[in-house]
Amino acid sequence: MHSWLKYPKFGHAAATDYTARYIRYGMMTREEALPIIKERDGELDPLCVRDFCAFTGYTETEFWKVIDSFYNRDLFYQDETGKWRLKEPIWAEKE
């Protein structure tokens, strides 16, 4: 939970942290890292959410309402389904 909370605030989480380190160490290329970041950085394990809510006494609805308030609107927008999306994801093609 802790490492994922960087995602709504700063637009990156553990996948970006780890792949950046691997790139610096020469263990992978940027091109290899981008699909990993795209797939994993914004995802939070539902079991983690359930466990956290059980521990803290929040309902999942209350939890997500609090999380929604942390999203950095300079970096994110909500799509028509209510899902938060990065405005300029690192994996998007540059013109």
PDB file of N, CA and C in Angstrom:
ATOM      1  N   MET A   1       0.828  -1.189   0.000  1.00  0.00           N
ATOM      2  CA  MET A   1       0.000   0.000   0.000  1.00  0.00           C
ATOM      3  C   MET A   1       0.873   1.254   0.000  1.00  0.00           C
ATOM      4  N   HIS A   2       1.853   1.284   0.876  1.00  0.00           N
ATOM      5  CA  HIS A   2       2.688   2.467   1.029  1.00  0.00           C
ATOM      6  C   HIS A   2       3.375   2.865  -0.276  1.00  0.00           C
ATOM      7  N   SER A   3       4.030   1.929  -0.929  1.00  0.00           N
ATOM      8  CA  SER A   3       4.750   2.282  -2.158  1.00  0.00           C
ATOM      9  C   SER A   3       3.793   2.648  -3.288  1.00  0.00           C
ATOM     10  N   TRP A   4       2.582   2.098  -3.290  1.00  0.00           N
ATOM     11  CA  TRP A   4       1.628   2.418  -4.345  1.00  0.00           C
ATOM     12  C   TRP A   4       1.088   3.837  -4.209  1.00  0.00           C
ATOM     13  N   LEU A   5       1.022   4.362  -2.997  1.00  0.00           N
ATOM     14  CA  LEU A   5       0.448   5.693  -2.789  1.00  0.00           C
ATOM     15  C   LEU A   5       1.223   6.798  -3.515  1.00  0.00           C
ATOM     16  N   LYS A   6       2.429   6.513  -3.949  1.00  0.00           N
ATOM     17  CA  LYS A   6       3.155   7.474  -4.774  1.00  0.00           C
ATOM     18  C   LYS A   6       2.473   7.645  -6.126  1.00  0.00           C
ATOM     19  N   TYR A   7       1.753   6.618  -6.571  1.00  0.00           N
ATOM     20  CA  TYR A   7       1.139   6.686  -7.897  1.00  0.00           C
ATOM     21  C   TYR A   7       0.129   7.824  -8.020  1.00  0.00           C
ATOM     22  N   PRO A   8      -0.902   7.914  -7.174  1.00  0.00           N
ATOM     23  CA  PRO A   8      -1.845   9.025  -7.360  1.00  0.00           C
ATOM     24  C   PRO A   8      -1.232  10.404  -7.113  1.00  0.00           C
ATOM     25  N   LYS A   9      -0.199  10.464  -6.297  1.00  0.00           N
ATOM     26  CA  LYS A   9       0.416  11.761  -5.996  1.00  0.00           C
ATOM     27  C   LYS A   9       1.407  12.199  -7.072  1.00  0.00           C
ATOM     28  N   PHE A  10       2.243  11.264  -7.526  1.00  0.00           N
ATOM     29  CA  PHE A  10       3.363  11.613  -8.394  1.00  0.00           C
ATOM     30  C   PHE A  10       3.316  10.965  -9.778  1.00  0.00           C
ATOM     31  N   GLY A  11       2.397  10.032 -10.008  1.00  0.00           N
ATOM     32  CA  GLY A  11       2.261   9.417 -11.324  1.00  0.00           C
ATOM     33  C   GLY A  11       3.185   8.238 -11.578  1.00  0.00           C
ATOM     34  N   HIS A  12       3.832   7.769 -10.536  1.00  0.00           N
ATOM     35  CA  HIS A  12       4.667   6.566 -10.680  1.00  0.00           C
ATOM     36  C   HIS A  12       4.677   5.810  -9.359  1.00  0.00           C
ATOM     37  N   ALA A  13       4.999   4.523  -9.451  1.00  0.00           N
ATOM     38  CA  ALA A  13       5.030   3.689  -8.246  1.00  0.00           C
ATOM     39  C   ALA A  13       6.193   2.706  -8.346  1.00  0.00           C
ATOM     40  N   ALA A  14       6.038   1.562  -7.731  1.00  0.00           N
ATOM     41  CA  ALA A  14       7.143   0.606  -7.585  1.00  0.00           C
ATOM     42  C   ALA A  14       7.695   0.115  -8.922  1.00  0.00           C
ATOM     43  N   ALA A  15       6.844  -0.131  -9.897  1.00  0.00           N
ATOM     44  CA  ALA A  15       7.343  -0.632 -11.186  1.00  0.00           C
ATOM     45  C   ALA A  15       8.313   0.373 -11.812  1.00  0.00           C
ATOM     46  N   THR A  16       7.980   1.638 -11.740  1.00  0.00           N
ATOM     47  CA  THR A  16       8.888   2.670 -12.262  1.00  0.00           C
ATOM     48  C   THR A  16      10.158   2.721 -11.429  1.00  0.00           C
ATOM     49  N   ASP A  17      10.029   2.659 -10.118  1.00  0.00           N
ATOM     50  CA  ASP A  17      11.210   2.692  -9.250  1.00  0.00           C
ATOM     51  C   ASP A  17      12.178   1.557  -9.570  1.00  0.00           C
ATOM     52  N   TYR A  18      11.648   0.353  -9.633  1.00  0.00           N
ATOM     53  CA  TYR A  18      12.519  -0.806  -9.860  1.00  0.00           C
ATOM     54  C   TYR A  18      13.096  -0.833 -11.272  1.00  0.00           C
ATOM     55  N   THR A  19      12.268  -0.567 -12.266  1.00  0.00           N
ATOM     56  CA  THR A  19      12.794  -0.619 -13.632  1.00  0.00           C
ATOM     57  C   THR A  19      13.814   0.493 -13.862  1.00  0.00           C
ATOM     58  N   ALA A  20      13.618   1.653 -13.250  1.00  0.00           N
ATOM     59  CA  ALA A  20      14.610   2.727 -13.383  1.00  0.00           C
ATOM     60  C   ALA A  20      15.956   2.285 -12.813  1.00  0.00           C
ATOM     61  N   ARG A  21      15.898   1.606 -11.688  1.00  0.00           N
ATOM     62  CA  ARG A  21      17.133   1.092 -11.087  1.00  0.00           C
ATOM     63  C   ARG A  21      17.781   0.053 -12.005  1.00  0.00           C
ATOM     64  N   TYR A  22      16.985  -0.855 -12.570  1.00  0.00           N
ATOM     65  CA  TYR A  22      17.533  -1.875 -13.473  1.00  0.00           C
ATOM     66  C   TYR A  22      18.150  -1.238 -14.717  1.00  0.00           C
ATOM     67  N   ILE A  23      17.529  -0.177 -15.213  1.00  0.00           N
ATOM     68  CA  ILE A  23      18.090   0.519 -16.375  1.00  0.00           C
ATOM     69  C   ILE A  23      19.433   1.140 -16.006  1.00  0.00           C
ATOM     70  N   ARG A  24      19.498   1.803 -14.856  1.00  0.00           N
ATOM     71  CA  ARG A  24      20.765   2.415 -14.422  1.00  0.00           C
ATOM     72  C   ARG A  24      21.866   1.373 -14.255  1.00  0.00           C
ATOM     73  N   TYR A  25      21.505   0.193 -13.774  1.00  0.00           N
ATOM     74  CA  TYR A  25      22.492  -0.872 -13.568  1.00  0.00           C
ATOM     75  C   TYR A  25      22.805  -1.647 -14.842  1.00  0.00           C
ATOM     76  N   GLY A  26      22.137  -1.306 -15.947  1.00  0.00           N
ATOM     77  CA  GLY A  26      22.383  -1.997 -17.214  1.00  0.00           C
ATOM     78  C   GLY A  26      21.714  -3.358 -17.306  1.00  0.00           C
ATOM     79  N   MET A  27      20.732  -3.608 -16.453  1.00  0.00           N
ATOM     80  CA  MET A  27      20.075  -4.918 -16.419  1.00  0.00           C
ATOM     81  C   MET A  27      18.879  -4.993 -17.375  1.00  0.00           C
ATOM     82  N   MET A  28      18.393  -3.845 -17.856  1.00  0.00           N
ATOM     83  CA  MET A  28      17.311  -3.826 -18.840  1.00  0.00           C
ATOM     84  C   MET A  28      17.373  -2.494 -19.567  1.00  0.00           C
ATOM     85  N   THR A  29      16.682  -2.448 -20.690  1.00  0.00           N
ATOM     86  CA  THR A  29      16.617  -1.214 -21.462  1.00  0.00           C
ATOM     87  C   THR A  29      15.319  -0.482 -21.147  1.00  0.00           C
ATOM     88  N   ARG A  30      15.258   0.766 -21.544  1.00  0.00           N
ATOM     89  CA  ARG A  30      14.036   1.545 -21.369  1.00  0.00           C
ATOM     90  C   ARG A  30      12.885   0.887 -22.120  1.00  0.00           C
ATOM     91  N   GLU A  31      13.167   0.400 -23.305  1.00  0.00           N
ATOM     92  CA  GLU A  31      12.131  -0.256 -24.120  1.00  0.00           C
ATOM     93  C   GLU A  31      11.582  -1.500 -23.430  1.00  0.00           C
ATOM     94  N   GLU A  32      12.430  -2.222 -22.707  1.00  0.00           N
ATOM     95  CA  GLU A  32      11.967  -3.390 -21.951  1.00  0.00           C
ATOM     96  C   GLU A  32      11.161  -2.971 -20.724  1.00  0.00           C
ATOM     97  N   ALA A  33      11.496  -1.822 -20.150  1.00  0.00           N
ATOM     98  CA  ALA A  33      10.831  -1.363 -18.929  1.00  0.00           C
ATOM     99  C   ALA A  33       9.431  -0.818 -19.184  1.00  0.00           C
ATOM    100  N   LEU A  34       9.224  -0.149 -20.296  1.00  0.00           N
ATOM    101  CA  LEU A  34       7.950   0.526 -20.540  1.00  0.00           C
ATOM    102  C   LEU A  34       6.723  -0.379 -20.450  1.00  0.00           C
ATOM    103  N   PRO A  35       6.735  -1.581 -21.047  1.00  0.00           N
ATOM    104  CA  PRO A  35       5.547  -2.437 -20.904  1.00  0.00           C
ATOM    105  C   PRO A  35       5.287  -2.864 -19.453  1.00  0.00           C
ATOM    106  N   ILE A  36       6.331  -3.046 -18.684  1.00  0.00           N
ATOM    107  CA  ILE A  36       6.187  -3.422 -17.275  1.00  0.00           C
ATOM    108  C   ILE A  36       5.543  -2.278 -16.502  1.00  0.00           C
ATOM    109  N   ILE A  37       6.033  -1.073 -16.746  1.00  0.00           N
ATOM    110  CA  ILE A  37       5.477   0.105 -16.082  1.00  0.00           C
ATOM    111  C   ILE A  37       4.011   0.278 -16.464  1.00  0.00           C
ATOM    112  N   LYS A  38       3.723   0.160 -17.742  1.00  0.00           N
ATOM    113  CA  LYS A  38       2.344   0.331 -18.225  1.00  0.00           C
ATOM    114  C   LYS A  38       1.401  -0.671 -17.570  1.00  0.00           C
ATOM    115  N   GLU A  39       1.847  -1.905 -17.440  1.00  0.00           N
ATOM    116  CA  GLU A  39       1.002  -2.971 -16.892  1.00  0.00           C
ATOM    117  C   GLU A  39       0.818  -2.863 -15.383  1.00  0.00           C
ATOM    118  N   ARG A  40       1.864  -2.448 -14.664  1.00  0.00           N
ATOM    119  CA  ARG A  40       1.842  -2.633 -13.210  1.00  0.00           C
ATOM    120  C   ARG A  40       1.767  -1.369 -12.357  1.00  0.00           C
ATOM    121  N   ASP A  41       2.252  -0.243 -12.848  1.00  0.00           N
ATOM    122  CA  ASP A  41       2.411   0.898 -11.955  1.00  0.00           C
ATOM    123  C   ASP A  41       1.108   1.400 -11.346  1.00  0.00           C
ATOM    124  N   GLY A  42       0.045   1.470 -12.089  1.00  0.00           N
ATOM    125  CA  GLY A  42      -1.198   2.011 -11.558  1.00  0.00           C
ATOM    126  C   GLY A  42      -2.093   1.001 -10.875  1.00  0.00           C
ATOM    127  N   GLU A  43      -1.695  -0.244 -10.863  1.00  0.00           N
ATOM    128  CA  GLU A  43      -2.540  -1.306 -10.315  1.00  0.00           C
ATOM    129  C   GLU A  43      -2.270  -1.525  -8.837  1.00  0.00           C
ATOM    130  N   LEU A  44      -3.339  -1.687  -8.095  1.00  0.00           N
ATOM    131  CA  LEU A  44      -3.243  -1.999  -6.670  1.00  0.00           C
ATOM    132  C   LEU A  44      -3.965  -3.314  -6.438  1.00  0.00           C
ATOM    133  N   ASP A  45      -3.299  -4.252  -5.834  1.00  0.00           N
ATOM    134  CA  ASP A  45      -3.851  -5.584  -5.585  1.00  0.00           C
ATOM    135  C   ASP A  45      -5.119  -5.483  -4.739  1.00  0.00           C
ATOM    136  N   PRO A  46      -6.248  -6.005  -5.239  1.00  0.00           N
ATOM    137  CA  PRO A  46      -7.507  -5.942  -4.472  1.00  0.00           C
ATOM    138  C   PRO A  46      -7.400  -6.594  -3.090  1.00  0.00           C
ATOM    139  N   LEU A  47      -6.596  -7.634  -2.964  1.00  0.00           N
ATOM    140  CA  LEU A  47      -6.408  -8.280  -1.664  1.00  0.00           C
ATOM    141  C   LEU A  47      -5.730  -7.315  -0.686  1.00  0.00           C
ATOM    142  N   CYS A  48      -4.802  -6.538  -1.179  1.00  0.00           N
ATOM    143  CA  CYS A  48      -4.134  -5.531  -0.357  1.00  0.00           C
ATOM    144  C   CYS A  48      -5.155  -4.522   0.159  1.00  0.00           C
ATOM    145  N   VAL A  49      -6.058  -4.099  -0.727  1.00  0.00           N
ATOM    146  CA  VAL A  49      -7.096  -3.147  -0.323  1.00  0.00           C
ATOM    147  C   VAL A  49      -8.006  -3.772   0.730  1.00  0.00           C
ATOM    148  N   ARG A  50      -8.437  -5.003   0.513  1.00  0.00           N
ATOM    149  CA  ARG A  50      -9.309  -5.680   1.479  1.00  0.00           C
ATOM    150  C   ARG A  50      -8.631  -5.825   2.838  1.00  0.00           C
ATOM    151  N   ASP A  51      -7.380  -6.249   2.827  1.00  0.00           N
ATOM    152  CA  ASP A  51      -6.638  -6.410   4.083  1.00  0.00           C
ATOM    153  C   ASP A  51      -6.472  -5.074   4.800  1.00  0.00           C
ATOM    154  N   PHE A  52      -6.122  -4.039   4.044  1.00  0.00           N
ATOM    155  CA  PHE A  52      -5.948  -2.714   4.636  1.00  0.00           C
ATOM    156  C   PHE A  52      -7.260  -2.226   5.253  1.00  0.00           C
ATOM    157  N   CYS A  53      -8.360  -2.409   4.520  1.00  0.00           N
ATOM    158  CA  CYS A  53      -9.664  -1.971   5.028  1.00  0.00           C
ATOM    159  C   CYS A  53     -10.076  -2.762   6.263  1.00  0.00           C
ATOM    160  N   ALA A  54      -9.807  -4.051   6.265  1.00  0.00           N
ATOM    161  CA  ALA A  54     -10.128  -4.867   7.436  1.00  0.00           C
ATOM    162  C   ALA A  54      -9.325  -4.402   8.651  1.00  0.00           C
ATOM    163  N   PHE A  55      -8.073  -4.050   8.429  1.00  0.00           N
ATOM    164  CA  PHE A  55      -7.207  -3.594   9.510  1.00  0.00           C
ATOM    165  C   PHE A  55      -7.627  -2.219  10.041  1.00  0.00           C
ATOM    166  N   THR A  56      -7.979  -1.304   9.125  1.00  0.00           N
ATOM    167  CA  THR A  56      -8.276   0.074   9.526  1.00  0.00           C
ATOM    168  C   THR A  56      -9.741   0.324   9.863  1.00  0.00           C
ATOM    169  N   GLY A  57     -10.623  -0.580   9.415  1.00  0.00           N
ATOM    170  CA  GLY A  57     -12.045  -0.399   9.670  1.00  0.00           C
ATOM    171  C   GLY A  57     -12.775   0.416   8.617  1.00  0.00           C
ATOM    172  N   TYR A  58     -12.087   0.794   7.557  1.00  0.00           N
ATOM    173  CA  TYR A  58     -12.736   1.483   6.448  1.00  0.00           C
ATOM    174  C   TYR A  58     -13.487   0.482   5.573  1.00  0.00           C
ATOM    175  N   THR A  59     -14.558   0.930   4.944  1.00  0.00           N
ATOM    176  CA  THR A  59     -15.145   0.128   3.879  1.00  0.00           C
ATOM    177  C   THR A  59     -14.311   0.390   2.626  1.00  0.00           C
ATOM    178  N   GLU A  60     -14.435  -0.470   1.630  1.00  0.00           N
ATOM    179  CA  GLU A  60     -13.688  -0.229   0.392  1.00  0.00           C
ATOM    180  C   GLU A  60     -14.177   1.041  -0.301  1.00  0.00           C
ATOM    181  N   THR A  61     -15.442   1.337  -0.196  1.00  0.00           N
ATOM    182  CA  THR A  61     -15.973   2.577  -0.771  1.00  0.00           C
ATOM    183  C   THR A  61     -15.347   3.794  -0.094  1.00  0.00           C
ATOM    184  N   GLU A  62     -15.258   3.761   1.228  1.00  0.00           N
ATOM    185  CA  GLU A  62     -14.619   4.857   1.959  1.00  0.00           C
ATOM    186  C   GLU A  62     -13.143   4.977   1.575  1.00  0.00           C
ATOM    187  N   PHE A  63     -12.473   3.835   1.479  1.00  0.00           N
ATOM    188  CA  PHE A  63     -11.064   3.807   1.100  1.00  0.00           C
ATOM    189  C   PHE A  63     -10.854   4.503  -0.242  1.00  0.00           C
ATOM    190  N   TRP A  64     -11.627   4.109  -1.259  1.00  0.00           N
ATOM    191  CA  TRP A  64     -11.449   4.681  -2.595  1.00  0.00           C
ATOM    192  C   TRP A  64     -11.835   6.155  -2.639  1.00  0.00           C
ATOM    193  N   LYS A  65     -12.781   6.569  -1.817  1.00  0.00           N
ATOM    194  CA  LYS A  65     -13.130   7.994  -1.751  1.00  0.00           C
ATOM    195  C   LYS A  65     -11.935   8.804  -1.237  1.00  0.00           C
ATOM    196  N   VAL A  66     -11.267   8.294  -0.217  1.00  0.00           N
ATOM    197  CA  VAL A  66     -10.071   8.966   0.302  1.00  0.00           C
ATOM    198  C   VAL A  66      -8.975   8.977  -0.758  1.00  0.00           C
ATOM    199  N   ILE A  67      -8.739   7.841  -1.389  1.00  0.00           N
ATOM    200  CA  ILE A  67      -7.696   7.749  -2.419  1.00  0.00           C
ATOM    201  C   ILE A  67      -7.987   8.718  -3.557  1.00  0.00           C
ATOM    202  N   ASP A  68      -9.246   8.802  -3.986  1.00  0.00           N
ATOM    203  CA  ASP A  68      -9.605   9.730  -5.065  1.00  0.00           C
ATOM    204  C   ASP A  68      -9.199  11.159  -4.731  1.00  0.00           C
ATOM    205  N   SER A  69      -9.263  11.521  -3.471  1.00  0.00           N
ATOM    206  CA  SER A  69      -8.912  12.889  -3.078  1.00  0.00           C
ATOM    207  C   SER A  69      -7.408  13.165  -3.198  1.00  0.00           C
ATOM    208  N   PHE A  70      -6.589  12.109  -3.263  1.00  0.00           N
ATOM    209  CA  PHE A  70      -5.146  12.276  -3.371  1.00  0.00           C
ATOM    210  C   PHE A  70      -4.646  12.402  -4.801  1.00  0.00           C
ATOM    211  N   TYR A  71      -5.470  12.062  -5.781  1.00  0.00           N
ATOM    212  CA  TYR A  71      -4.983  12.096  -7.165  1.00  0.00           C
ATOM    213  C   TYR A  71      -4.596  13.516  -7.564  1.00  0.00           C
ATOM    214  N   ASN A  72      -3.421  13.637  -8.135  1.00  0.00           N
ATOM    215  CA  ASN A  72      -2.886  14.905  -8.589  1.00  0.00           C
ATOM    216  C   ASN A  72      -3.544  15.240  -9.926  1.00  0.00           C
ATOM    217  N   ARG A  73      -4.413  16.226  -9.909  1.00  0.00           N
ATOM    218  CA  ARG A  73      -5.168  16.570 -11.110  1.00  0.00           C
ATOM    219  C   ARG A  73      -4.313  17.252 -12.182  1.00  0.00           C
ATOM    220  N   ASP A  74      -3.099  17.649 -11.839  1.00  0.00           N
ATOM    221  CA  ASP A  74      -2.175  18.136 -12.857  1.00  0.00           C
ATOM    222  C   ASP A  74      -1.642  16.978 -13.698  1.00  0.00           C
ATOM    223  N   LEU A  75      -1.617  15.779 -13.116  1.00  0.00           N
ATOM    224  CA  LEU A  75      -1.073  14.604 -13.796  1.00  0.00           C
ATOM    225  C   LEU A  75      -2.141  13.641 -14.314  1.00  0.00           C
ATOM    226  N   PHE A  76      -3.322  13.644 -13.682  1.00  0.00           N
ATOM    227  CA  PHE A  76      -4.359  12.661 -13.965  1.00  0.00           C
ATOM    228  C   PHE A  76      -5.673  13.318 -14.362  1.00  0.00           C
ATOM    229  N   TYR A  77      -6.483  12.555 -15.087  1.00  0.00           N
ATOM    230  CA  TYR A  77      -7.875  12.910 -15.336  1.00  0.00           C
ATOM    231  C   TYR A  77      -8.704  11.650 -15.130  1.00  0.00           C
ATOM    232  N   GLN A  78      -9.987  11.820 -14.874  1.00  0.00           N
ATOM    233  CA  GLN A  78     -10.885  10.673 -14.748  1.00  0.00           C
ATOM    234  C   GLN A  78     -11.581  10.469 -16.086  1.00  0.00           C
ATOM    235  N   ASP A  79     -11.524   9.233 -16.584  1.00  0.00           N
ATOM    236  CA  ASP A  79     -12.200   8.936 -17.844  1.00  0.00           C
ATOM    237  C   ASP A  79     -13.707   8.786 -17.610  1.00  0.00           C
ATOM    238  N   GLU A  80     -14.432   8.458 -18.666  1.00  0.00           N
ATOM    239  CA  GLU A  80     -15.891   8.372 -18.584  1.00  0.00           C
ATOM    240  C   GLU A  80     -16.374   7.271 -17.641  1.00  0.00           C
ATOM    241  N   THR A  81     -15.510   6.310 -17.312  1.00  0.00           N
ATOM    242  CA  THR A  81     -15.890   5.244 -16.375  1.00  0.00           C
ATOM    243  C   THR A  81     -15.484   5.570 -14.936  1.00  0.00           C
ATOM    244  N   GLY A  82     -14.810   6.701 -14.741  1.00  0.00           N
ATOM    245  CA  GLY A  82     -14.361   7.087 -13.411  1.00  0.00           C
ATOM    246  C   GLY A  82     -12.958   6.625 -13.073  1.00  0.00           C
ATOM    247  N   LYS A  83     -12.304   5.924 -14.007  1.00  0.00           N
ATOM    248  CA  LYS A  83     -10.938   5.449 -13.770  1.00  0.00           C
ATOM    249  C   LYS A  83      -9.958   6.599 -13.980  1.00  0.00           C
ATOM    250  N   TRP A  84      -8.993   6.717 -13.068  1.00  0.00           N
ATOM    251  CA  TRP A  84      -7.969   7.746 -13.182  1.00  0.00           C
ATOM    252  C   TRP A  84      -6.955   7.335 -14.240  1.00  0.00           C
ATOM    253  N   ARG A  85      -6.618   8.263 -15.121  1.00  0.00           N
ATOM    254  CA  ARG A  85      -5.668   8.017 -16.213  1.00  0.00           C
ATOM    255  C   ARG A  85      -4.610   9.122 -16.208  1.00  0.00           C
ATOM    256  N   LEU A  86      -3.388   8.724 -16.457  1.00  0.00           N
ATOM    257  CA  LEU A  86      -2.321   9.710 -16.595  1.00  0.00           C
ATOM    258  C   LEU A  86      -2.562  10.542 -17.849  1.00  0.00           C
ATOM    259  N   LYS A  87      -2.355  11.838 -17.750  1.00  0.00           N
ATOM    260  CA  LYS A  87      -2.506  12.705 -18.914  1.00  0.00           C
ATOM    261  C   LYS A  87      -1.396  12.467 -19.926  1.00  0.00           C
ATOM    262  N   GLU A  88      -0.185  12.243 -19.435  1.00  0.00           N
ATOM    263  CA  GLU A  88       0.970  12.032 -20.314  1.00  0.00           C
ATOM    264  C   GLU A  88       1.776  10.833 -19.832  1.00  0.00           C
ATOM    265  N   PRO A  89       1.283   9.613 -20.087  1.00  0.00           N
ATOM    266  CA  PRO A  89       2.011   8.427 -19.623  1.00  0.00           C
ATOM    267  C   PRO A  89       3.368   8.296 -20.323  1.00  0.00           C
ATOM    268  N   ILE A  90       4.326   7.804 -19.601  1.00  0.00           N
ATOM    269  CA  ILE A  90       5.695   7.668 -20.106  1.00  0.00           C
ATOM    270  C   ILE A  90       5.753   6.745 -21.332  1.00  0.00           C
ATOM    271  N   TRP A  91       4.825   5.813 -21.428  1.00  0.00           N
ATOM    272  CA  TRP A  91       4.861   4.858 -22.524  1.00  0.00           C
ATOM    273  C   TRP A  91       4.155   5.380 -23.779  1.00  0.00           C
ATOM    274  N   ALA A  92       3.507   6.533 -23.696  1.00  0.00           N
ATOM    275  CA  ALA A  92       2.818   7.094 -24.867  1.00  0.00           C
ATOM    276  C   ALA A  92       3.829   7.558 -25.900  1.00  0.00           C
ATOM    277  N   GLU A  93       3.467   7.410 -27.138  1.00  0.00           N
ATOM    278  CA  GLU A  93       4.336   7.848 -28.227  1.00  0.00           C
ATOM    279  C   GLU A  93       4.427   9.370 -28.250  1.00  0.00           C
ATOM    280  N   LYS A  94       5.610   9.866 -28.401  1.00  0.00           N
ATOM    281  CA  LYS A  94       5.827  11.308 -28.542  1.00  0.00           C
ATOM    282  C   LYS A  94       5.779  11.667 -30.018  1.00  0.00           C
ATOM    283  N   GLU A  95       5.205  12.799 -30.299  1.00  0.00           N
ATOM    284  CA  GLU A  95       5.129  13.242 -31.711  1.00  0.00           C
ATOM    285  C   GLU A  95       6.394  13.944 -32.107  1.00  0.00           C
TER     286      GLU A  95
END
